[in-house]
Amino acid sequence: MQKGGESASKLFGEQKVFVAYEKTPDGTLYMTVCLDKQLGNPHFHSVTQVSPNRWNHHIVVKSEETAKSDWLQRLVREGFEFAKQ
């Protein structure tokens, strides 16, 4: 994460996999994972279609437990797989 609220992106090839776009003073991390499909998960803050076959999955990470969770690890892994296509 860069200072001053700037975005930090993880790239795989030319595709954005996820973007951590804000970290608050209390340690909350806001991030987005881009996929080619919409996933439903009660942990997602929101899911938006940004173009055909492009869905942004917005996640709010407020705890270490969430950061280490299986569902978040799977989501990031799926984002990397999508980026390799």
Protein backbone atom coordinates (compact mmCIF):
# COMPACT_ATOMS: atom_id res chain seq x y z
CA MET A 1 0.00 0.00 0.00
CA GLN A 2 1.34 3.38 -0.88
CA LYS A 3 1.04 6.42 1.37
CA GLY A 4 -1.50 9.11 0.73
CA GLY A 5 -4.35 6.82 -0.29
CA GLU A 6 -2.81 5.97 -3.69
CA SER A 7 -3.79 2.63 -5.20
CA ALA A 8 -1.45 -0.33 -5.21
CA SER A 9 -2.12 -2.91 -7.93
CA LYS A 10 -1.00 -6.48 -8.31
CA LEU A 11 -0.49 -7.21 -11.98
CA PHE A 12 -0.29 -10.47 -13.84
CA GLY A 13 0.68 -9.79 -17.42
CA GLU A 14 -1.33 -6.74 -18.44
CA GLN A 15 -4.45 -7.65 -16.42
CA LYS A 16 -5.25 -6.13 -13.05
CA VAL A 17 -5.92 -8.93 -10.62
CA PHE A 18 -6.78 -6.93 -7.57
CA VAL A 19 -6.41 -3.43 -6.27
CA ALA A 20 -6.06 -2.46 -2.64
CA TYR A 21 -7.43 1.04 -2.84
CA GLU A 22 -7.62 2.23 0.74
CA LYS A 23 -6.32 1.36 4.19
CA THR A 24 -7.86 3.28 7.04
CA PRO A 25 -6.15 4.31 10.31
CA ASP A 26 -7.96 1.47 12.12
CA GLY A 27 -6.36 -1.07 9.74
CA THR A 28 -9.38 -1.72 7.51
CA LEU A 29 -8.32 -2.62 3.97
CA TYR A 30 -10.61 -2.06 1.00
CA MET A 31 -9.80 -4.15 -2.07
CA THR A 32 -11.24 -5.18 -5.42
CA VAL A 33 -10.76 -8.45 -7.29
CA CYS A 34 -11.67 -8.56 -10.99
CA LEU A 35 -13.15 -11.76 -12.47
CA ASP A 36 -14.85 -12.76 -15.70
CA LYS A 37 -18.04 -13.70 -13.83
CA GLN A 38 -20.15 -12.55 -10.95
CA LEU A 39 -19.74 -14.53 -7.75
CA GLY A 40 -22.19 -14.45 -4.90
CA ASN A 41 -20.71 -14.42 -1.42
CA PRO A 42 -22.08 -12.81 1.74
CA HIS A 43 -18.54 -11.60 2.54
CA PHE A 44 -18.46 -9.27 -0.49
CA HIS A 45 -19.22 -5.62 0.16
CA SER A 46 -20.54 -5.30 -3.42
CA VAL A 47 -20.13 -6.74 -6.91
CA THR A 48 -20.37 -4.55 -10.02
CA GLN A 49 -20.18 -5.33 -13.71
CA VAL A 50 -17.71 -2.89 -15.25
CA SER A 51 -17.76 -4.24 -18.83
CA PRO A 52 -18.75 -7.43 -20.64
CA ASN A 53 -17.16 -10.38 -18.83
CA ARG A 54 -15.61 -8.10 -16.19
CA TRP A 55 -16.94 -8.08 -12.64
CA ASN A 56 -15.36 -6.18 -9.75
CA HIS A 57 -15.78 -7.91 -6.40
CA HIS A 58 -15.31 -5.39 -3.58
CA ILE A 59 -14.12 -6.68 -0.22
CA VAL A 60 -13.68 -5.00 3.15
CA VAL A 61 -10.99 -6.65 5.27
CA LYS A 62 -11.35 -5.60 8.90
CA SER A 63 -9.48 -8.40 10.65
CA GLU A 64 -6.53 -10.73 10.35
CA GLU A 65 -9.02 -13.61 10.41
CA THR A 66 -10.64 -12.29 7.22
CA ALA A 67 -7.25 -11.62 5.60
CA LYS A 68 -6.25 -15.25 6.20
CA SER A 69 -9.65 -16.74 5.37
CA ASP A 70 -10.02 -19.56 2.87
CA TRP A 71 -12.71 -17.70 0.90
CA LEU A 72 -10.48 -14.64 0.38
CA GLN A 73 -7.49 -16.77 -0.60
CA ARG A 74 -9.68 -18.62 -3.16
CA LEU A 75 -10.98 -15.33 -4.53
CA VAL A 76 -7.49 -13.89 -5.05
CA ARG A 77 -6.33 -17.19 -6.59
CA GLU A 78 -9.31 -17.10 -8.97
CA GLY A 79 -8.41 -13.52 -9.89
CA PHE A 80 -4.89 -14.65 -10.82
CA GLU A 81 -6.27 -17.50 -12.91
CA PHE A 82 -8.58 -15.08 -14.73
CA ALA A 83 -5.66 -12.76 -15.42
CA LYS A 84 -3.67 -15.58 -17.05
CA GLN A 85 -6.34 -16.10 -19.73
